[in-house]
Amino acid sequence: PPHKELFELNTIIATFFISIDYYEITLFIAKQLDTKWISLLYDAEEYAKTALVQYIRSYSLILFITFCEIALGLWLLRVNHAAIIALLISVFDILPAVGTGGIIIPWGIIALVLGDIPLGIGMLALYLIVTVVRNTLEPKIVGEQVGLHPVATLMSMFLGSKVLGIVGLFGFPIGLVILTKLNDSGKIKLFK
C-alpha cells in the first residue's frame, strides 16, 4: 500500500493513547451498553485472558519439547555445545517465518555440500523428526490447554494463519475459545 508507513505510525500512536486511557474508554463504552452486553463483554475478556495464559503455557511446553529433541539430536550427531545450540534454534522456532527449518535445513545442506554426509543427512532427518512431532503434538497440546478439540484447534490455526498471518494463527483459536465458552455458559447461542 502507498501509505503503509503512515498507517503503521498511526496504529502505534493510537495503541499508545488507547492503552493510556484504557479504563476511561472501556467505562465510556460500558455506559453505552445495557447490562447484558456489559456482562457478555466482561466474560469474553476473562475467557480471553485465561486462553492467553493457557496459550503461553502450551507453547512453552512445545518450545521445551523442541529444545529436548534438538539437543538430543545434536548430541547424537556429536555436535559441540549441543544444548546451547539447541536453545538458540528453539528460540528461532517461535518465529513463524524462520522456525527450526531456517537453521537446520541450511546447516544440513551446507554439511552435505562440504562432504560431511553423516552430519548433513542427520540434520535433515532431525528437522523431519522435529517437524512431524510438532505438527502432531501442537494441536493436541494447545487444544487440551485451551479446551478445544485438536481438530478444531488445528482448523482455527490454519484458517487464522491464512486470513491474518501470525495474528490469526493465535487469534482465531483464542476467538474460538471465547465463543465456545460463551456458548457453553449460555450467554450466546451459536451451536448445540
C-alpha atoms as a PDB file:
ATOM      1  CA  PRO A   1       0.000   0.000   0.000  1.00  0.00           C
ATOM      2  CA  PRO A   2       1.219   3.515  -0.769  1.00  0.00           C
ATOM      3  CA  HIS A   3       0.882   4.894   2.767  1.00  0.00           C
ATOM      4  CA  LYS A   4       1.828   1.791   4.736  1.00  0.00           C
ATOM      5  CA  GLU A   5       4.372   3.603   6.921  1.00  0.00           C
ATOM      6  CA  LEU A   6       1.845   6.306   7.816  1.00  0.00           C
ATOM      7  CA  PHE A   7      -0.752   3.655   8.695  1.00  0.00           C
ATOM      8  CA  GLU A   8       1.769   1.817  10.895  1.00  0.00           C
ATOM      9  CA  LEU A   9       2.765   5.052  12.654  1.00  0.00           C
ATOM     10  CA  ASN A  10      -0.885   5.945  13.297  1.00  0.00           C
ATOM     11  CA  THR A  11      -1.514   2.449  14.636  1.00  0.00           C
ATOM     12  CA  ILE A  12       1.397   2.749  17.075  1.00  0.00           C
ATOM     13  CA  ILE A  13       0.263   6.196  18.241  1.00  0.00           C
ATOM     14  CA  ALA A  14      -3.374   5.040  18.606  1.00  0.00           C
ATOM     15  CA  THR A  15      -2.299   1.972  20.558  1.00  0.00           C
ATOM     16  CA  PHE A  16      -0.284   4.177  22.909  1.00  0.00           C
ATOM     17  CA  PHE A  17      -3.206   6.536  23.579  1.00  0.00           C
ATOM     18  CA  ILE A  18      -5.714   3.710  23.934  1.00  0.00           C
ATOM     19  CA  SER A  19      -3.500   1.917  26.437  1.00  0.00           C
ATOM     20  CA  ILE A  20      -3.079   5.107  28.495  1.00  0.00           C
ATOM     21  CA  ASP A  21      -6.854   5.733  28.624  1.00  0.00           C
ATOM     22  CA  TYR A  22      -7.969   2.099  28.608  1.00  0.00           C
ATOM     23  CA  TYR A  23     -10.209   2.358  31.668  1.00  0.00           C
ATOM     24  CA  GLU A  24     -11.807   5.632  30.574  1.00  0.00           C
ATOM     25  CA  ILE A  25     -12.515   4.198  27.111  1.00  0.00           C
ATOM     26  CA  THR A  26     -13.972   0.966  28.492  1.00  0.00           C
ATOM     27  CA  LEU A  27     -16.093   2.922  31.001  1.00  0.00           C
ATOM     28  CA  PHE A  28     -17.449   5.113  28.185  1.00  0.00           C
ATOM     29  CA  ILE A  29     -18.296   2.039  26.085  1.00  0.00           C
ATOM     30  CA  ALA A  30     -19.887   0.328  29.098  1.00  0.00           C
ATOM     31  CA  LYS A  31     -22.152   3.336  29.678  1.00  0.00           C
ATOM     32  CA  GLN A  32     -23.432   2.979  26.111  1.00  0.00           C
ATOM     33  CA  LEU A  33     -24.432  -0.679  26.541  1.00  0.00           C
ATOM     34  CA  ASP A  34     -27.065  -2.430  28.598  1.00  0.00           C
ATOM     35  CA  THR A  35     -26.056  -4.779  31.433  1.00  0.00           C
ATOM     36  CA  LYS A  36     -26.446  -7.931  29.314  1.00  0.00           C
ATOM     37  CA  TRP A  37     -23.823  -6.722  26.832  1.00  0.00           C
ATOM     38  CA  ILE A  38     -21.535  -5.497  29.616  1.00  0.00           C
ATOM     39  CA  SER A  39     -21.707  -8.929  31.260  1.00  0.00           C
ATOM     40  CA  LEU A  40     -21.052 -10.614  27.914  1.00  0.00           C
ATOM     41  CA  LEU A  41     -18.005  -8.432  27.203  1.00  0.00           C
ATOM     42  CA  TYR A  42     -16.668  -8.921  30.735  1.00  0.00           C
ATOM     43  CA  ASP A  43     -16.973 -12.697  30.392  1.00  0.00           C
ATOM     44  CA  ALA A  44     -15.326 -12.576  26.942  1.00  0.00           C
ATOM     45  CA  GLU A  45     -12.425 -10.575  28.395  1.00  0.00           C
ATOM     46  CA  GLU A  46     -11.969 -13.098  31.221  1.00  0.00           C
ATOM     47  CA  TYR A  47     -12.072 -16.033  28.787  1.00  0.00           C
ATOM     48  CA  ALA A  48      -9.543 -14.280  26.544  1.00  0.00           C
ATOM     49  CA  LYS A  49      -7.143 -13.702  29.459  1.00  0.00           C
ATOM     50  CA  THR A  50      -7.453 -17.330  30.545  1.00  0.00           C
ATOM     51  CA  ALA A  51      -6.960 -18.569  26.974  1.00  0.00           C
ATOM     52  CA  LEU A  52      -3.894 -16.352  26.546  1.00  0.00           C
ATOM     53  CA  VAL A  53      -2.295 -17.741  29.722  1.00  0.00           C
ATOM     54  CA  GLN A  54      -3.085 -21.268  28.574  1.00  0.00           C
ATOM     55  CA  TYR A  55      -1.602 -20.491  25.145  1.00  0.00           C
ATOM     56  CA  ILE A  56       1.608 -19.258  26.727  1.00  0.00           C
ATOM     57  CA  ARG A  57       1.746 -22.384  28.877  1.00  0.00           C
ATOM     58  CA  SER A  58       1.140 -24.711  25.924  1.00  0.00           C
ATOM     59  CA  TYR A  59       3.688 -23.023  23.650  1.00  0.00           C
ATOM     60  CA  SER A  60       6.236 -23.082  26.480  1.00  0.00           C
ATOM     61  CA  LEU A  61       5.748 -26.847  26.637  1.00  0.00           C
ATOM     62  CA  ILE A  62       6.094 -27.111  22.844  1.00  0.00           C
ATOM     63  CA  LEU A  63       9.260 -24.991  22.994  1.00  0.00           C
ATOM     64  CA  PHE A  64      10.664 -27.277  25.714  1.00  0.00           C
ATOM     65  CA  ILE A  65       9.868 -30.417  23.702  1.00  0.00           C
ATOM     66  CA  THR A  66      11.500 -28.891  20.615  1.00  0.00           C
ATOM     67  CA  PHE A  67      14.572 -27.965  22.652  1.00  0.00           C
ATOM     68  CA  CYS A  68      14.872 -31.523  24.011  1.00  0.00           C
ATOM     69  CA  GLU A  69      14.523 -33.076  20.545  1.00  0.00           C
ATOM     70  CA  ILE A  70      17.118 -30.790  19.005  1.00  0.00           C
ATOM     71  CA  ALA A  71      19.542 -31.106  21.924  1.00  0.00           C
ATOM     72  CA  LEU A  72      19.318 -34.906  21.810  1.00  0.00           C
ATOM     73  CA  GLY A  73      19.668 -34.935  18.016  1.00  0.00           C
ATOM     74  CA  LEU A  74      22.709 -32.643  18.058  1.00  0.00           C
ATOM     75  CA  TRP A  75      24.267 -34.682  20.879  1.00  0.00           C
ATOM     76  CA  LEU A  76      23.759 -37.902  18.887  1.00  0.00           C
ATOM     77  CA  LEU A  77      25.331 -36.181  15.873  1.00  0.00           C
ATOM     78  CA  ARG A  78      28.275 -35.245  18.122  1.00  0.00           C
ATOM     79  CA  VAL A  79      27.863 -31.501  17.630  1.00  0.00           C
ATOM     80  CA  ASN A  80      29.813 -29.455  20.195  1.00  0.00           C
ATOM     81  CA  HIS A  81      27.737 -27.307  22.577  1.00  0.00           C
ATOM     82  CA  ALA A  82      24.562 -29.165  21.593  1.00  0.00           C
ATOM     83  CA  ALA A  83      22.436 -27.757  24.430  1.00  0.00           C
ATOM     84  CA  ILE A  84      23.333 -24.119  23.750  1.00  0.00           C
ATOM     85  CA  ILE A  85      22.779 -24.500  20.004  1.00  0.00           C
ATOM     86  CA  ALA A  86      19.500 -26.324  20.645  1.00  0.00           C
ATOM     87  CA  LEU A  87      18.348 -23.470  22.876  1.00  0.00           C
ATOM     88  CA  LEU A  88      19.118 -20.896  20.185  1.00  0.00           C
ATOM     89  CA  ILE A  89      17.382 -22.941  17.477  1.00  0.00           C
ATOM     90  CA  SER A  90      14.357 -23.429  19.760  1.00  0.00           C
ATOM     91  CA  VAL A  91      14.082 -19.672  20.208  1.00  0.00           C
ATOM     92  CA  PHE A  92      14.058 -19.314  16.415  1.00  0.00           C
ATOM     93  CA  ASP A  93      11.253 -21.882  16.348  1.00  0.00           C
ATOM     94  CA  ILE A  94       8.992 -19.261  17.933  1.00  0.00           C
ATOM     95  CA  LEU A  95       9.349 -17.121  14.809  1.00  0.00           C
ATOM     96  CA  PRO A  96       6.898 -18.499  12.233  1.00  0.00           C
ATOM     97  CA  ALA A  97       8.798 -17.351   9.147  1.00  0.00           C
ATOM     98  CA  VAL A  98      12.099 -18.794  10.355  1.00  0.00           C
ATOM     99  CA  GLY A  99      11.336 -21.794  12.569  1.00  0.00           C
ATOM    100  CA  THR A 100      13.749 -24.639  13.141  1.00  0.00           C
ATOM    101  CA  GLY A 101      13.969 -25.253   9.405  1.00  0.00           C
ATOM    102  CA  GLY A 102      15.506 -21.825   8.861  1.00  0.00           C
ATOM    103  CA  ILE A 103      18.615 -23.040  10.644  1.00  0.00           C
ATOM    104  CA  ILE A 104      18.656 -26.840  10.489  1.00  0.00           C
ATOM    105  CA  ILE A 105      17.942 -27.210   6.746  1.00  0.00           C
ATOM    106  CA  PRO A 106      20.722 -24.834   5.579  1.00  0.00           C
ATOM    107  CA  TRP A 107      23.075 -26.426   8.114  1.00  0.00           C
ATOM    108  CA  GLY A 108      22.285 -29.876   6.713  1.00  0.00           C
ATOM    109  CA  ILE A 109      22.680 -28.740   3.099  1.00  0.00           C
ATOM    110  CA  ILE A 110      25.975 -26.997   3.834  1.00  0.00           C
ATOM    111  CA  ALA A 111      27.252 -30.121   5.596  1.00  0.00           C
ATOM    112  CA  LEU A 112      26.322 -32.230   2.539  1.00  0.00           C
ATOM    113  CA  VAL A 113      27.999 -29.776   0.149  1.00  0.00           C
ATOM    114  CA  LEU A 114      31.141 -29.752   2.292  1.00  0.00           C
ATOM    115  CA  GLY A 115      31.235 -33.548   2.241  1.00  0.00           C
ATOM    116  CA  ASP A 116      30.095 -34.296   5.801  1.00  0.00           C
ATOM    117  CA  ILE A 117      27.398 -36.711   4.629  1.00  0.00           C
ATOM    118  CA  PRO A 118      26.519 -38.208   8.057  1.00  0.00           C
ATOM    119  CA  LEU A 119      26.016 -34.747   9.612  1.00  0.00           C
ATOM    120  CA  GLY A 120      24.064 -33.469   6.595  1.00  0.00           C
ATOM    121  CA  ILE A 121      21.706 -36.436   6.494  1.00  0.00           C
ATOM    122  CA  GLY A 122      21.446 -36.373  10.288  1.00  0.00           C
ATOM    123  CA  MET A 123      20.482 -32.679  10.334  1.00  0.00           C
ATOM    124  CA  LEU A 124      17.820 -33.155   7.653  1.00  0.00           C
ATOM    125  CA  ALA A 125      16.465 -36.207   9.498  1.00  0.00           C
ATOM    126  CA  LEU A 126      16.438 -34.185  12.735  1.00  0.00           C
ATOM    127  CA  TYR A 127      14.407 -31.460  11.041  1.00  0.00           C
ATOM    128  CA  LEU A 128      11.956 -34.057   9.735  1.00  0.00           C
ATOM    129  CA  ILE A 129      11.538 -35.572  13.214  1.00  0.00           C
ATOM    130  CA  VAL A 130      11.076 -32.168  14.890  1.00  0.00           C
ATOM    131  CA  THR A 131       8.510 -31.152  12.265  1.00  0.00           C
ATOM    132  CA  VAL A 132       6.485 -34.357  12.498  1.00  0.00           C
ATOM    133  CA  VAL A 133       6.467 -34.291  16.299  1.00  0.00           C
ATOM    134  CA  ARG A 134       5.496 -30.623  16.425  1.00  0.00           C
ATOM    135  CA  ASN A 135       2.740 -30.941  13.822  1.00  0.00           C
ATOM    136  CA  THR A 136       1.376 -33.952  15.689  1.00  0.00           C
ATOM    137  CA  LEU A 137       1.595 -32.555  19.225  1.00  0.00           C
ATOM    138  CA  GLU A 138       0.858 -28.846  18.715  1.00  0.00           C
ATOM    139  CA  PRO A 139      -2.903 -29.112  18.038  1.00  0.00           C
ATOM    140  CA  LYS A 140      -3.282 -31.672  20.839  1.00  0.00           C
ATOM    141  CA  ILE A 141      -1.307 -29.701  23.441  1.00  0.00           C
ATOM    142  CA  VAL A 142      -2.844 -26.345  22.540  1.00  0.00           C
ATOM    143  CA  GLY A 143      -6.321 -27.854  22.277  1.00  0.00           C
ATOM    144  CA  GLU A 144      -6.114 -29.548  25.667  1.00  0.00           C
ATOM    145  CA  GLN A 145      -4.749 -26.418  27.337  1.00  0.00           C
ATOM    146  CA  VAL A 146      -7.384 -24.059  25.945  1.00  0.00           C
ATOM    147  CA  GLY A 147     -10.241 -26.570  25.999  1.00  0.00           C
ATOM    148  CA  LEU A 148     -10.770 -27.190  22.286  1.00  0.00           C
ATOM    149  CA  HIS A 149     -10.777 -30.420  20.318  1.00  0.00           C
ATOM    150  CA  PRO A 150      -7.442 -30.860  18.475  1.00  0.00           C
ATOM    151  CA  VAL A 151      -9.208 -30.801  15.078  1.00  0.00           C
ATOM    152  CA  ALA A 152     -10.982 -27.533  15.948  1.00  0.00           C
ATOM    153  CA  THR A 153      -7.686 -26.102  17.164  1.00  0.00           C
ATOM    154  CA  LEU A 154      -5.851 -27.188  14.014  1.00  0.00           C
ATOM    155  CA  MET A 155      -8.573 -25.817  11.733  1.00  0.00           C
ATOM    156  CA  SER A 156      -8.707 -22.474  13.544  1.00  0.00           C
ATOM    157  CA  MET A 157      -4.903 -22.179  13.494  1.00  0.00           C
ATOM    158  CA  PHE A 158      -4.796 -22.988   9.776  1.00  0.00           C
ATOM    159  CA  LEU A 159      -7.651 -20.649   8.881  1.00  0.00           C
ATOM    160  CA  GLY A 160      -6.291 -17.899  11.115  1.00  0.00           C
ATOM    161  CA  SER A 161      -2.824 -18.078   9.591  1.00  0.00           C
ATOM    162  CA  LYS A 162      -4.272 -17.951   6.072  1.00  0.00           C
ATOM    163  CA  VAL A 163      -6.522 -14.968   6.840  1.00  0.00           C
ATOM    164  CA  LEU A 164      -4.392 -12.858   9.200  1.00  0.00           C
ATOM    165  CA  GLY A 165      -0.965 -14.489   9.296  1.00  0.00           C
ATOM    166  CA  ILE A 166       0.711 -14.714  12.705  1.00  0.00           C
ATOM    167  CA  VAL A 167      -2.074 -12.692  14.364  1.00  0.00           C
ATOM    168  CA  GLY A 168      -4.672 -15.118  13.047  1.00  0.00           C
ATOM    169  CA  LEU A 169      -2.577 -18.149  14.000  1.00  0.00           C
ATOM    170  CA  PHE A 170      -3.028 -17.199  17.652  1.00  0.00           C
ATOM    171  CA  GLY A 171      -6.131 -15.009  17.426  1.00  0.00           C
ATOM    172  CA  PHE A 172      -8.534 -17.432  15.736  1.00  0.00           C
ATOM    173  CA  PRO A 173      -8.121 -20.217  18.317  1.00  0.00           C
ATOM    174  CA  ILE A 174      -8.472 -17.687  21.158  1.00  0.00           C
ATOM    175  CA  GLY A 175     -11.586 -16.274  19.466  1.00  0.00           C
ATOM    176  CA  LEU A 176     -12.959 -19.799  19.108  1.00  0.00           C
ATOM    177  CA  VAL A 177     -12.296 -20.439  22.808  1.00  0.00           C
ATOM    178  CA  ILE A 178     -14.168 -17.260  23.731  1.00  0.00           C
ATOM    179  CA  LEU A 179     -17.142 -18.170  21.534  1.00  0.00           C
ATOM    180  CA  THR A 180     -17.190 -21.748  22.857  1.00  0.00           C
ATOM    181  CA  LYS A 181     -17.060 -20.620  26.499  1.00  0.00           C
ATOM    182  CA  LEU A 182     -19.790 -18.008  25.939  1.00  0.00           C
ATOM    183  CA  ASN A 183     -21.912 -20.614  24.183  1.00  0.00           C
ATOM    184  CA  ASP A 184     -21.344 -23.218  26.908  1.00  0.00           C
ATOM    185  CA  SER A 185     -22.259 -20.728  29.640  1.00  0.00           C
ATOM    186  CA  GLY A 186     -25.488 -19.847  27.834  1.00  0.00           C
ATOM    187  CA  LYS A 187     -24.526 -16.205  27.215  1.00  0.00           C
ATOM    188  CA  ILE A 188     -24.846 -16.716  23.449  1.00  0.00           C
ATOM    189  CA  LYS A 189     -26.318 -19.481  21.302  1.00  0.00           C
ATOM    190  CA  LEU A 190     -24.173 -20.389  18.309  1.00  0.00           C
ATOM    191  CA  PHE A 191     -24.258 -24.179  18.326  1.00  0.00           C
ATOM    192  CA  LYS A 192     -25.558 -27.073  20.415  1.00  0.00           C
END
